[in-house]
Amino acid sequence: QVQLVESGGGLVQPGGSLKLSCTASGIIGRFYDMGWYRQVPGKQRELVARITDGGSTNYADSVKGRFTISRDNDKKTAYLQMDSLKPEDTAVYYCLVRLGIRDYWGQGTQVTVSS
């Protein structure tokens, strides 16, 4: 059974940085995509960043140049480095693993950007 454990959320001031981690278990091999999504109350979950098993990345326009997604295949872990954070980045951040046609989600971690 695939399980995802996220960490690294918290409260940060505008302009600050946070680094999220997502570690997967129950997966064999490295041929799966990983991503980060976020959701605020009353809105749909939206893509933040995604990285393929080959290392190709794509980002939401709102985070380009500020966020960086990476992965360590040996550790089965994805990271989201978030810099120059803005209040509008406040959301619950969810990790996603796409394995074939199936999606697996983490439990979410709260990120709050406020002074």
Protein backbone atom coordinates (compact mmCIF):
# COMPACT_ATOMS: atom_id res chain seq x y z
CA GLN A 1 0.00 0.00 0.00
CA VAL A 2 1.36 3.40 -1.01
CA GLN A 3 1.62 5.93 1.78
CA LEU A 4 2.87 9.51 1.71
CA VAL A 5 4.15 11.44 4.69
CA GLU A 6 4.54 15.19 4.40
CA SER A 7 6.43 17.55 6.66
CA GLY A 8 7.80 21.06 6.78
CA GLY A 9 4.74 23.26 6.92
CA GLY A 10 4.28 26.06 9.39
CA LEU A 11 3.98 29.77 9.93
CA VAL A 12 6.35 32.14 8.16
CA GLN A 13 6.49 35.87 7.56
CA PRO A 14 6.08 37.32 4.08
CA GLY A 15 9.34 37.08 2.19
CA GLY A 16 10.42 34.06 4.18
CA SER A 17 11.15 30.49 3.14
CA LEU A 18 9.93 27.00 3.93
CA LYS A 19 10.88 23.58 2.61
CA LEU A 20 8.31 20.83 2.37
CA SER A 21 9.17 17.14 2.20
CA CYS A 22 7.12 14.18 1.06
CA THR A 23 8.34 10.64 1.58
CA ALA A 24 6.66 7.73 -0.12
CA SER A 25 6.53 4.14 1.05
CA GLY A 26 5.13 1.03 -0.57
CA ILE A 27 6.48 1.92 -4.03
CA ILE A 28 8.92 -0.25 -5.94
CA GLY A 29 11.21 1.41 -8.48
CA ARG A 30 11.29 5.07 -9.48
CA PHE A 31 8.91 5.29 -12.44
CA TYR A 32 6.34 7.59 -10.94
CA ASP A 33 5.67 11.31 -10.99
CA MET A 34 5.51 13.42 -7.86
CA GLY A 35 3.88 16.75 -7.29
CA TRP A 36 2.65 19.34 -4.87
CA TYR A 37 -0.83 20.80 -4.89
CA ARG A 38 -2.47 23.31 -2.59
CA GLN A 39 -5.96 24.15 -1.49
CA VAL A 40 -7.65 26.97 0.37
CA PRO A 41 -11.15 26.74 1.82
CA GLY A 42 -13.84 27.17 -0.81
CA LYS A 43 -11.51 26.70 -3.75
CA GLN A 44 -10.40 23.77 -5.87
CA ARG A 45 -7.10 22.08 -5.26
CA GLU A 46 -4.53 23.50 -7.65
CA LEU A 47 -1.22 22.33 -9.01
CA VAL A 48 1.84 24.03 -7.55
CA ALA A 49 4.67 22.00 -9.06
CA ARG A 50 5.28 18.60 -10.58
CA ILE A 51 8.36 16.52 -11.32
CA THR A 52 8.54 13.43 -13.50
CA ASP A 53 10.60 10.34 -12.87
CA GLY A 54 13.08 11.76 -15.40
CA GLY A 55 13.39 15.02 -13.54
CA SER A 56 11.33 17.25 -15.81
CA THR A 57 9.47 19.92 -13.90
CA ASN A 58 6.58 22.31 -14.38
CA TYR A 59 5.20 25.01 -12.14
CA ALA A 60 2.11 27.10 -11.69
CA ASP A 61 2.67 30.59 -13.06
CA SER A 62 2.07 32.05 -9.61
CA VAL A 63 5.09 30.29 -8.12
CA LYS A 64 7.58 30.32 -11.00
CA GLY A 65 10.90 31.76 -9.91
CA ARG A 66 10.04 31.40 -6.22
CA PHE A 67 9.42 27.67 -5.68
CA THR A 68 11.65 24.75 -6.64
CA ILE A 69 10.60 21.12 -6.74
CA SER A 70 13.16 18.33 -6.54
CA ARG A 71 13.30 14.66 -5.72
CA ASP A 72 15.63 12.07 -4.29
CA ASN A 73 14.78 8.75 -5.88
CA ASP A 74 16.86 6.74 -3.42
CA LYS A 75 14.90 8.22 -0.53
CA LYS A 76 11.61 8.22 -2.48
CA THR A 77 11.23 11.80 -1.34
CA ALA A 78 10.08 14.96 -3.08
CA TYR A 79 10.89 18.43 -1.83
CA LEU A 80 9.34 21.82 -2.39
CA GLN A 81 11.61 24.74 -1.60
CA MET A 82 9.46 27.82 -1.21
CA ASP A 83 11.16 31.22 -1.20
CA SER A 84 9.85 34.78 -1.22
CA LEU A 85 6.60 33.55 0.27
CA LYS A 86 3.51 35.72 -0.03
CA PRO A 87 0.31 35.77 2.02
CA GLU A 88 -1.53 34.35 -1.01
CA ASP A 89 0.62 31.21 -0.74
CA THR A 90 -1.25 30.36 2.46
CA ALA A 91 -2.94 27.00 1.94
CA VAL A 92 -2.87 23.33 2.81
CA TYR A 93 -0.20 21.72 0.65
CA TYR A 94 -0.69 18.16 -0.52
CA CYS A 95 1.83 15.77 -1.97
CA LEU A 96 0.83 13.61 -4.92
CA VAL A 97 2.37 10.48 -6.35
CA ARG A 98 1.13 9.36 -9.77
CA LEU A 99 1.87 5.70 -10.34
CA GLY A 100 0.54 4.57 -13.67
CA ILE A 101 -3.09 5.66 -13.74
CA ARG A 102 -3.46 5.88 -9.99
CA ASP A 103 -2.99 8.96 -7.83
CA TYR A 104 -2.00 8.82 -4.18
CA TRP A 105 -2.30 11.80 -1.84
CA GLY A 106 -0.65 12.80 1.37
CA GLN A 107 -2.57 14.06 4.36
CA GLY A 108 -1.64 17.69 3.74
CA THR A 109 0.47 20.20 5.62
CA GLN A 110 -0.57 23.73 6.49
CA VAL A 111 1.50 26.65 5.24
CA THR A 112 0.59 30.07 6.63
CA VAL A 113 2.30 33.22 5.43
CA SER A 114 1.50 36.11 7.74
CA SER A 115 3.14 38.90 9.65
